[in-house]
N, C-alpha and C. Protein backbone atom coordinates (compact mmCIF):
# COMPACT_ATOMS: atom_id res chain seq x y z
N MET A 1 -108.33 163.96 71.59
CA MET A 1 -108.34 163.59 73.31
C MET A 1 -107.69 165.00 73.38
N ALA A 2 -107.74 165.97 74.61
CA ALA A 2 -106.59 167.12 74.57
C ALA A 2 -105.26 166.13 75.20
N GLN A 3 -104.19 167.46 74.95
CA GLN A 3 -103.09 166.86 75.37
C GLN A 3 -102.45 167.13 77.03
N GLN A 4 -101.68 166.24 76.84
CA GLN A 4 -101.89 166.71 78.93
C GLN A 4 -99.97 167.53 78.86
N LEU A 5 -100.35 168.72 79.89
CA LEU A 5 -98.77 169.41 80.15
C LEU A 5 -97.76 168.88 80.51
N PRO A 6 -96.79 168.66 79.82
CA PRO A 6 -95.64 168.26 80.86
C PRO A 6 -95.36 168.78 82.34
N GLU A 7 -95.25 167.59 82.89
CA GLU A 7 -94.69 168.32 84.28
C GLU A 7 -93.48 168.82 84.51
N GLY A 8 -93.29 169.71 85.09
CA GLY A 8 -92.04 171.14 85.18
C GLY A 8 -92.63 171.72 86.22
N GLU A 9 -91.44 172.38 86.20
CA GLU A 9 -90.79 173.67 86.87
C GLU A 9 -91.27 174.81 85.70
N PRO A 10 -92.06 176.01 86.10
CA PRO A 10 -91.92 177.54 85.53
C PRO A 10 -90.32 177.58 85.28
N VAL A 11 -89.75 177.99 84.32
CA VAL A 11 -88.89 178.78 84.12
C VAL A 11 -88.93 180.65 83.83
N ASP A 12 -88.89 181.85 84.54
CA ASP A 12 -88.92 182.76 84.41
C ASP A 12 -88.17 183.27 82.81
N PHE A 13 -88.20 184.46 82.19
CA PHE A 13 -87.15 184.16 81.12
C PHE A 13 -87.10 185.12 81.03
N GLU A 14 -85.80 185.99 80.83
CA GLU A 14 -85.61 188.11 79.17
C GLU A 14 -85.76 187.44 78.22
N VAL A 15 -86.28 188.37 77.53
CA VAL A 15 -85.99 188.46 76.11
C VAL A 15 -84.48 189.43 75.58
N LEU A 16 -83.82 188.44 75.00
CA LEU A 16 -82.18 189.09 74.71
C LEU A 16 -82.51 189.80 72.62
N ARG A 17 -83.14 189.22 72.22
CA ARG A 17 -83.63 189.60 70.55
C ARG A 17 -84.76 188.57 70.14
N GLU A 18 -85.00 189.32 69.85
CA GLU A 18 -86.63 188.14 68.54
C GLU A 18 -86.88 188.89 67.08
N GLU A 19 -85.82 187.89 66.52
CA GLU A 19 -85.73 188.78 65.26
C GLU A 19 -86.96 188.65 63.87
N TRP A 20 -87.22 189.02 63.46
CA TRP A 20 -88.48 188.52 62.06
C TRP A 20 -87.18 187.74 60.91
N ASN A 21 -88.27 186.37 60.75
CA ASN A 21 -87.26 185.80 59.30
C ASN A 21 -88.23 186.18 58.04
N GLU A 22 -87.32 186.43 57.29
CA GLU A 22 -88.89 186.63 55.62
C GLU A 22 -88.39 185.39 55.23
N TYR A 23 -89.38 185.39 54.23
CA TYR A 23 -90.08 184.38 53.18
C TYR A 23 -90.37 185.10 52.11
N HIS A 24 -90.26 184.84 50.74
CA HIS A 24 -90.73 185.51 49.54
C HIS A 24 -91.28 184.16 48.83
N LEU A 25 -92.49 185.02 49.00
CA LEU A 25 -94.08 183.79 47.74
C LEU A 25 -93.70 184.12 46.95
N ALA A 26 -94.03 182.72 45.98
CA ALA A 26 -93.31 182.41 45.03
C ALA A 26 -94.97 183.86 43.66
N ASP A 27 -95.89 183.97 44.45
CA ASP A 27 -97.12 185.07 43.91
C ASP A 27 -96.42 186.74 44.06
N GLY A 28 -95.91 186.55 44.72
CA GLY A 28 -95.32 188.29 45.18
C GLY A 28 -95.21 188.57 46.62
N PRO A 29 -95.95 188.62 47.81
CA PRO A 29 -95.82 189.00 48.91
C PRO A 29 -94.17 188.64 49.37
N THR A 30 -94.14 189.18 50.88
CA THR A 30 -92.93 188.60 51.71
C THR A 30 -93.37 188.34 52.87
N LEU A 31 -93.57 187.44 53.77
CA LEU A 31 -93.86 187.30 54.77
C LEU A 31 -92.67 187.82 56.03
N LYS A 32 -93.31 188.06 56.94
CA LYS A 32 -92.09 188.24 58.24
C LYS A 32 -92.80 187.95 59.53
N VAL A 33 -91.94 186.28 59.76
CA VAL A 33 -92.50 185.57 61.25
C VAL A 33 -91.42 185.58 61.74
N LYS A 34 -91.94 186.03 62.82
CA LYS A 34 -91.29 185.62 64.24
C LYS A 34 -92.07 184.96 65.43
N LEU A 35 -91.63 184.15 66.12
CA LEU A 35 -91.82 183.19 67.24
C LEU A 35 -91.18 184.16 68.13
N VAL A 36 -92.62 183.94 69.27
CA VAL A 36 -92.53 185.17 70.49
C VAL A 36 -92.89 183.90 71.09
N LEU A 37 -92.22 184.07 72.15
CA LEU A 37 -91.59 183.02 73.79
C LEU A 37 -93.26 183.64 74.33
N THR A 38 -93.72 182.85 75.14
CA THR A 38 -95.18 183.03 76.49
C THR A 38 -94.54 181.74 77.07
N GLY A 39 -93.84 181.78 77.18
CA GLY A 39 -94.06 180.24 78.72
C GLY A 39 -92.85 179.32 77.99
N VAL A 40 -91.71 178.85 79.51
CA VAL A 40 -91.11 177.85 79.03
C VAL A 40 -90.71 176.99 80.68
N ILE A 41 -90.44 175.72 80.32
CA ILE A 41 -91.08 174.56 81.66
C ILE A 41 -89.88 174.00 81.42
N ARG A 42 -89.24 173.99 82.79
CA ARG A 42 -87.85 172.60 82.78
C ARG A 42 -88.50 171.25 82.91
N LEU A 43 -88.46 170.59 81.97
CA LEU A 43 -88.86 169.37 82.62
C LEU A 43 -88.51 168.78 83.54
N LYS A 44 -89.53 167.80 84.43
CA LYS A 44 -88.97 166.43 85.42
C LYS A 44 -88.08 165.66 85.25
N ASP A 45 -86.83 165.89 85.75
CA ASP A 45 -86.16 164.30 85.64
C ASP A 45 -86.16 163.91 84.16
N LYS A 46 -86.48 165.04 83.29
CA LYS A 46 -85.83 165.23 81.50
C LYS A 46 -84.48 165.59 81.32
N PHE A 47 -83.75 164.75 80.37
CA PHE A 47 -82.44 165.48 79.74
C PHE A 47 -82.04 164.63 78.84
N ASP A 48 -81.54 165.45 77.95
CA ASP A 48 -80.68 165.16 76.77
C ASP A 48 -79.89 164.48 77.25
N PRO A 49 -79.59 163.87 76.04
CA PRO A 49 -77.88 162.70 75.67
C PRO A 49 -77.05 163.20 75.84
N ALA A 50 -76.56 164.91 76.56
CA ALA A 50 -75.22 165.37 76.73
C ALA A 50 -75.67 165.70 78.26
N GLY A 51 -76.37 165.58 78.69
CA GLY A 51 -77.17 165.78 80.67
C GLY A 51 -77.48 166.87 80.43
N ASN A 52 -78.21 167.97 79.27
CA ASN A 52 -78.32 169.15 79.67
C ASN A 52 -80.09 169.02 79.97
N PRO A 53 -80.67 169.69 80.73
CA PRO A 53 -81.95 169.49 81.01
C PRO A 53 -83.05 170.01 79.97
N VAL A 54 -84.44 169.25 79.89
CA VAL A 54 -84.79 169.31 78.38
C VAL A 54 -86.10 170.46 79.23
N TYR A 55 -86.25 170.92 78.02
CA TYR A 55 -87.11 172.26 78.25
C TYR A 55 -88.28 172.94 77.07
N ALA A 56 -89.58 172.91 77.85
CA ALA A 56 -91.02 173.12 76.74
C ALA A 56 -91.22 174.47 76.87
N ILE A 57 -91.68 174.54 75.81
CA ILE A 57 -92.19 176.02 75.21
C ILE A 57 -93.41 176.55 75.01
N SER A 58 -93.83 177.10 75.51
CA SER A 58 -95.19 177.80 74.61
C SER A 58 -95.25 178.74 74.23
N ASN A 59 -94.98 179.67 72.69
CA ASN A 59 -94.81 180.13 72.32
C ASN A 59 -96.44 181.13 70.90
N GLN A 60 -95.96 181.96 70.28
CA GLN A 60 -97.06 182.60 68.88
C GLN A 60 -96.57 183.05 68.66
N ASN A 61 -96.94 182.64 66.78
CA ASN A 61 -96.54 183.63 66.09
C ASN A 61 -97.07 184.14 65.55
N ALA A 62 -95.79 185.26 65.16
CA ALA A 62 -95.86 187.15 64.65
C ALA A 62 -95.87 187.27 63.18
N VAL A 63 -97.17 187.27 62.41
CA VAL A 63 -96.86 186.83 60.85
C VAL A 63 -97.70 188.14 59.97
N ARG A 64 -96.36 188.55 59.42
CA ARG A 64 -96.76 190.00 59.01
C ARG A 64 -96.95 189.47 57.22
N VAL A 65 -98.09 190.43 56.48
CA VAL A 65 -97.59 190.10 55.10
C VAL A 65 -97.06 191.91 54.32
N VAL A 66 -96.21 191.84 53.89
CA VAL A 66 -95.53 193.37 52.98
C VAL A 66 -95.26 192.84 52.10
N ASN A 67 -95.28 193.93 51.03
CA ASN A 67 -95.10 193.77 49.72
C ASN A 67 -95.63 193.37 49.14
N VAL A 68 -97.55 193.85 49.19
CA VAL A 68 -98.05 192.64 48.20
C VAL A 68 -98.49 193.41 47.35
N PRO A 69 -98.17 192.75 46.45
CA PRO A 69 -98.92 193.42 44.78
C PRO A 69 -99.68 193.99 44.57
N SER A 70 -100.13 194.68 43.84
CA SER A 70 -101.12 195.31 43.98
C SER A 70 -102.34 194.27 43.10
N SER A 71 -102.07 193.58 42.07
CA SER A 71 -103.02 192.51 41.39
C SER A 71 -103.76 191.13 42.80
N LEU A 72 -102.95 191.11 43.60
CA LEU A 72 -103.40 190.45 44.52
C LEU A 72 -104.35 191.71 46.21
N ARG A 73 -104.11 192.38 46.09
CA ARG A 73 -105.16 193.41 46.90
C ARG A 73 -106.57 193.15 46.38
N ILE A 74 -107.15 193.54 47.43
CA ILE A 74 -108.87 194.07 47.16
C ILE A 74 -109.00 195.48 47.35
N LYS A 75 -110.08 196.02 46.69
CA LYS A 75 -110.61 197.51 46.36
C LYS A 75 -110.91 197.30 47.70
N GLN A 76 -111.87 196.73 48.38
CA GLN A 76 -112.65 196.92 49.12
C GLN A 76 -113.04 195.21 49.80
N TRP A 77 -113.95 195.26 51.01
CA TRP A 77 -114.00 193.70 51.44
C TRP A 77 -115.30 193.19 50.81
N GLY A 78 -114.94 192.39 50.56
CA GLY A 78 -116.02 191.41 49.89
C GLY A 78 -115.71 191.37 48.42
N SER A 79 -115.06 191.65 47.78
CA SER A 79 -114.43 191.72 46.33
C SER A 79 -113.52 190.81 45.93
N THR A 80 -113.47 189.96 45.37
CA THR A 80 -112.06 189.23 44.36
C THR A 80 -110.90 189.96 43.87
N PRO A 81 -109.72 189.55 44.27
CA PRO A 81 -108.58 190.04 43.55
C PRO A 81 -109.06 189.91 42.06
N THR A 82 -107.53 190.46 41.36
CA THR A 82 -107.86 190.09 39.94
C THR A 82 -106.42 189.35 39.45
N VAL A 83 -106.23 188.82 38.68
CA VAL A 83 -105.42 187.89 38.05
C VAL A 83 -104.72 187.66 37.36
């Protein structure tokens, strides 16, 4: 069953800073991940315990794989990596 979008008012936003998070993987590469905000809705008549309005966001994750050891790379499409 499809999830219904929350009722609320779209809110424009300005990107102030989008930073990359970096994660070193046990098999060698580093992942760089960034959440990219694509939309914001202020929920109708919803507030947190401190009285602040509640927002729903839509986002995309940008992912980059860097510093990959040559043992994990393939020479050409369709071949398998050597371990």
